[in-house]
Amino acid sequence: MRVAFDAPYGGDMRKAKTDLLLSLAEQAELRRFVEEAGEKTAVGELKIDRSTLARALGGLPVRRSTLTVLRLTLARRSAERDAQ
């Protein structure tokens, strides 16, 4: 018996890992955040561990939920900076 399930990415797993990366602009924004706030503060505010921060900064895949948190936090910080 075959069980059907909805595979993410339409079954194209070659694209799965690339969808879990920060863009170069997002990596630059994250790097700026870490430089301004410090690593300890960044890790605490993002609620991630240091190895996850290093993966994101290094352009390696992270979990989808982590990617969402990173993107939302970076967008908020960027909006706050633009408002000043």
N, C-alpha and C. Protein backbone atom coordinates (compact mmCIF):
# COMPACT_ATOMS: atom_id res chain seq x y z
N MET A 1 0.85 -1.18 0.00
CA MET A 1 0.00 0.00 0.00
C MET A 1 0.89 1.24 0.00
N ARG A 2 0.61 2.17 -0.88
CA ARG A 2 1.36 3.42 -0.93
C ARG A 2 0.63 4.48 -0.15
N VAL A 3 1.37 5.25 0.59
CA VAL A 3 0.80 6.33 1.36
C VAL A 3 1.21 7.63 0.71
N ALA A 4 0.24 8.43 0.36
CA ALA A 4 0.51 9.73 -0.26
C ALA A 4 0.65 10.79 0.82
N PHE A 5 1.57 11.67 0.64
CA PHE A 5 1.71 12.79 1.55
C PHE A 5 2.17 14.00 0.75
N ASP A 6 1.91 15.14 1.29
CA ASP A 6 2.31 16.38 0.63
C ASP A 6 3.76 16.66 0.94
N ALA A 7 4.63 16.42 -0.01
CA ALA A 7 6.05 16.70 0.18
C ALA A 7 6.29 18.18 -0.04
N PRO A 8 7.08 18.81 0.84
CA PRO A 8 7.41 20.21 0.62
C PRO A 8 8.19 20.37 -0.67
N TYR A 9 8.12 21.53 -1.27
CA TYR A 9 8.85 21.86 -2.49
C TYR A 9 8.43 21.01 -3.67
N GLY A 10 7.22 20.49 -3.62
CA GLY A 10 6.73 19.70 -4.74
C GLY A 10 7.57 18.46 -4.98
N GLY A 11 8.26 17.99 -3.96
CA GLY A 11 9.07 16.80 -4.10
C GLY A 11 10.48 17.07 -4.60
N ASP A 12 10.80 18.32 -4.93
CA ASP A 12 12.13 18.66 -5.41
C ASP A 12 13.03 18.97 -4.22
N MET A 13 13.71 17.98 -3.71
CA MET A 13 14.51 18.15 -2.50
C MET A 13 15.82 18.89 -2.76
N ARG A 14 16.18 19.09 -4.03
CA ARG A 14 17.39 19.88 -4.32
C ARG A 14 17.23 21.31 -3.84
N LYS A 15 16.00 21.79 -3.83
CA LYS A 15 15.74 23.17 -3.43
C LYS A 15 15.49 23.29 -1.92
N ALA A 16 15.27 22.19 -1.24
CA ALA A 16 14.89 22.22 0.18
C ALA A 16 15.92 22.94 1.04
N LYS A 17 17.19 22.65 0.87
CA LYS A 17 18.22 23.25 1.72
C LYS A 17 18.42 24.73 1.40
N THR A 18 18.31 25.13 0.14
CA THR A 18 18.55 26.53 -0.20
C THR A 18 17.44 27.42 0.31
N ASP A 19 16.27 26.88 0.57
CA ASP A 19 15.16 27.68 1.10
C ASP A 19 15.32 27.92 2.59
N LEU A 20 16.33 27.35 3.21
CA LEU A 20 16.53 27.50 4.64
C LEU A 20 17.74 28.37 4.96
N LEU A 21 18.16 29.19 4.00
CA LEU A 21 19.31 30.06 4.17
C LEU A 21 18.88 31.51 4.25
N LEU A 22 19.61 32.31 5.01
CA LEU A 22 19.41 33.75 4.95
C LEU A 22 20.01 34.26 3.65
N SER A 23 19.40 35.28 3.09
CA SER A 23 19.98 35.90 1.89
C SER A 23 21.27 36.62 2.29
N LEU A 24 22.04 37.02 1.31
CA LEU A 24 23.28 37.75 1.60
C LEU A 24 22.99 39.06 2.33
N ALA A 25 21.91 39.73 1.94
CA ALA A 25 21.53 40.98 2.61
C ALA A 25 21.13 40.71 4.06
N GLU A 26 20.42 39.61 4.29
CA GLU A 26 20.01 39.25 5.65
C GLU A 26 21.23 38.85 6.49
N GLN A 27 22.19 38.15 5.87
CA GLN A 27 23.41 37.80 6.59
C GLN A 27 24.17 39.07 7.00
N ALA A 28 24.22 40.05 6.08
CA ALA A 28 24.91 41.31 6.39
C ALA A 28 24.19 42.04 7.52
N GLU A 29 22.86 42.02 7.50
CA GLU A 29 22.08 42.67 8.57
C GLU A 29 22.30 41.96 9.90
N LEU A 30 22.34 40.63 9.88
CA LEU A 30 22.59 39.87 11.10
C LEU A 30 24.00 40.16 11.62
N ARG A 31 24.97 40.21 10.73
CA ARG A 31 26.34 40.53 11.13
C ARG A 31 26.41 41.92 11.78
N ARG A 32 25.69 42.86 11.20
CA ARG A 32 25.64 44.22 11.75
C ARG A 32 25.03 44.21 13.15
N PHE A 33 23.95 43.45 13.31
CA PHE A 33 23.29 43.32 14.61
C PHE A 33 24.27 42.78 15.66
N VAL A 34 25.00 41.73 15.30
CA VAL A 34 25.94 41.12 16.24
C VAL A 34 27.07 42.10 16.57
N GLU A 35 27.55 42.82 15.57
CA GLU A 35 28.62 43.79 15.81
C GLU A 35 28.15 44.92 16.72
N GLU A 36 26.92 45.39 16.53
CA GLU A 36 26.40 46.50 17.33
C GLU A 36 26.02 46.06 18.75
N ALA A 37 25.33 44.94 18.87
CA ALA A 37 24.78 44.52 20.15
C ALA A 37 25.72 43.59 20.93
N GLY A 38 26.57 42.89 20.22
CA GLY A 38 27.42 41.89 20.85
C GLY A 38 26.79 40.51 20.70
N GLU A 39 27.64 39.51 20.69
CA GLU A 39 27.17 38.14 20.47
C GLU A 39 26.20 37.67 21.55
N LYS A 40 26.54 37.92 22.79
CA LYS A 40 25.70 37.45 23.90
C LYS A 40 24.31 38.07 23.85
N THR A 41 24.24 39.37 23.59
CA THR A 41 22.95 40.05 23.50
C THR A 41 22.16 39.55 22.30
N ALA A 42 22.83 39.37 21.16
CA ALA A 42 22.16 38.89 19.95
C ALA A 42 21.57 37.50 20.17
N VAL A 43 22.35 36.62 20.75
CA VAL A 43 21.87 35.26 21.02
C VAL A 43 20.66 35.30 21.96
N GLY A 44 20.73 36.15 22.98
CA GLY A 44 19.62 36.25 23.92
C GLY A 44 18.37 36.83 23.30
N GLU A 45 18.53 37.88 22.50
CA GLU A 45 17.37 38.51 21.88
C GLU A 45 16.74 37.61 20.82
N LEU A 46 17.57 36.90 20.07
CA LEU A 46 17.06 36.01 19.03
C LEU A 46 16.56 34.69 19.58
N LYS A 47 16.95 34.38 20.83
CA LYS A 47 16.56 33.13 21.49
C LYS A 47 17.04 31.91 20.70
N ILE A 48 18.30 31.99 20.26
CA ILE A 48 18.95 30.87 19.57
C ILE A 48 20.28 30.62 20.26
N ASP A 49 20.90 29.49 19.96
CA ASP A 49 22.21 29.24 20.56
C ASP A 49 23.32 29.73 19.63
N ARG A 50 24.53 29.74 20.16
CA ARG A 50 25.67 30.30 19.42
C ARG A 50 25.94 29.53 18.14
N SER A 51 25.78 28.21 18.16
CA SER A 51 26.05 27.43 16.95
C SER A 51 25.04 27.75 15.85
N THR A 52 23.80 28.01 16.21
CA THR A 52 22.80 28.39 15.22
C THR A 52 23.11 29.76 14.65
N LEU A 53 23.54 30.67 15.50
CA LEU A 53 23.95 31.99 15.04
C LEU A 53 25.12 31.86 14.06
N ALA A 54 26.07 31.02 14.39
CA ALA A 54 27.22 30.82 13.51
C ALA A 54 26.79 30.22 12.17
N ARG A 55 25.86 29.28 12.20
CA ARG A 55 25.36 28.68 10.95
C ARG A 55 24.70 29.74 10.08
N ALA A 56 23.86 30.56 10.68
CA ALA A 56 23.16 31.59 9.92
C ALA A 56 24.14 32.61 9.33
N LEU A 57 25.12 33.02 10.13
CA LEU A 57 26.12 33.97 9.65
C LEU A 57 27.01 33.37 8.57
N GLY A 58 27.23 32.07 8.64
CA GLY A 58 28.09 31.38 7.68
C GLY A 58 27.38 30.95 6.41
N GLY A 59 26.09 31.25 6.31
CA GLY A 59 25.35 30.88 5.10
C GLY A 59 24.96 29.42 5.03
N LEU A 60 24.88 28.77 6.20
CA LEU A 60 24.45 27.37 6.24
C LEU A 60 22.96 27.29 6.55
N PRO A 61 22.32 26.19 6.17
CA PRO A 61 20.88 26.05 6.45
C PRO A 61 20.59 26.01 7.94
N VAL A 62 19.44 26.58 8.30
CA VAL A 62 18.93 26.53 9.67
C VAL A 62 17.49 26.02 9.60
N ARG A 63 16.94 25.71 10.73
CA ARG A 63 15.55 25.23 10.76
C ARG A 63 14.60 26.33 10.30
N ARG A 64 13.52 25.90 9.72
CA ARG A 64 12.53 26.84 9.17
C ARG A 64 12.02 27.82 10.23
N SER A 65 11.74 27.33 11.43
CA SER A 65 11.25 28.22 12.49
C SER A 65 12.32 29.22 12.90
N THR A 66 13.57 28.79 12.93
CA THR A 66 14.67 29.69 13.24
C THR A 66 14.82 30.75 12.17
N LEU A 67 14.71 30.35 10.93
CA LEU A 67 14.80 31.29 9.81
C LEU A 67 13.71 32.35 9.92
N THR A 68 12.52 31.94 10.29
CA THR A 68 11.41 32.88 10.44
C THR A 68 11.69 33.87 11.55
N VAL A 69 12.17 33.38 12.69
CA VAL A 69 12.50 34.27 13.82
C VAL A 69 13.59 35.25 13.42
N LEU A 70 14.63 34.76 12.76
CA LEU A 70 15.72 35.63 12.33
C LEU A 70 15.21 36.71 11.38
N ARG A 71 14.42 36.31 10.41
CA ARG A 71 13.91 37.29 9.43
C ARG A 71 13.01 38.32 10.08
N LEU A 72 12.14 37.90 10.97
CA LEU A 72 11.25 38.85 11.64
C LEU A 72 12.03 39.82 12.52
N THR A 73 13.00 39.31 13.25
CA THR A 73 13.80 40.17 14.12
C THR A 73 14.63 41.15 13.31
N LEU A 74 15.24 40.69 12.24
CA LEU A 74 16.04 41.57 11.40
C LEU A 74 15.19 42.63 10.73
N ALA A 75 14.00 42.26 10.28
CA ALA A 75 13.08 43.22 9.66
C ALA A 75 12.63 44.27 10.67
N ARG A 76 12.34 43.84 11.89
CA ARG A 76 11.94 44.78 12.94
C ARG A 76 13.07 45.75 13.25
N ARG A 77 14.27 45.24 13.40
CA ARG A 77 15.42 46.11 13.69
C ARG A 77 15.67 47.09 12.55
N SER A 78 15.54 46.63 11.33
CA SER A 78 15.75 47.50 10.18
C SER A 78 14.69 48.60 10.13
N ALA A 79 13.45 48.24 10.42
CA ALA A 79 12.36 49.22 10.43
C ALA A 79 12.56 50.26 11.54
N GLU A 80 13.00 49.79 12.71
CA GLU A 80 13.26 50.70 13.82
C GLU A 80 14.40 51.67 13.48
N ARG A 81 15.43 51.15 12.82
CA ARG A 81 16.56 51.98 12.44
C ARG A 81 16.13 53.02 11.39
N ASP A 82 15.31 52.61 10.44
CA ASP A 82 14.83 53.52 9.39
C ASP A 82 13.91 54.61 9.97
N ALA A 83 13.19 54.28 11.04
CA ALA A 83 12.26 55.23 11.65
C ALA A 83 12.98 56.34 12.42
N GLN A 84 14.22 56.08 12.77
CA GLN A 84 14.96 57.09 13.56
C GLN A 84 15.48 58.21 12.73
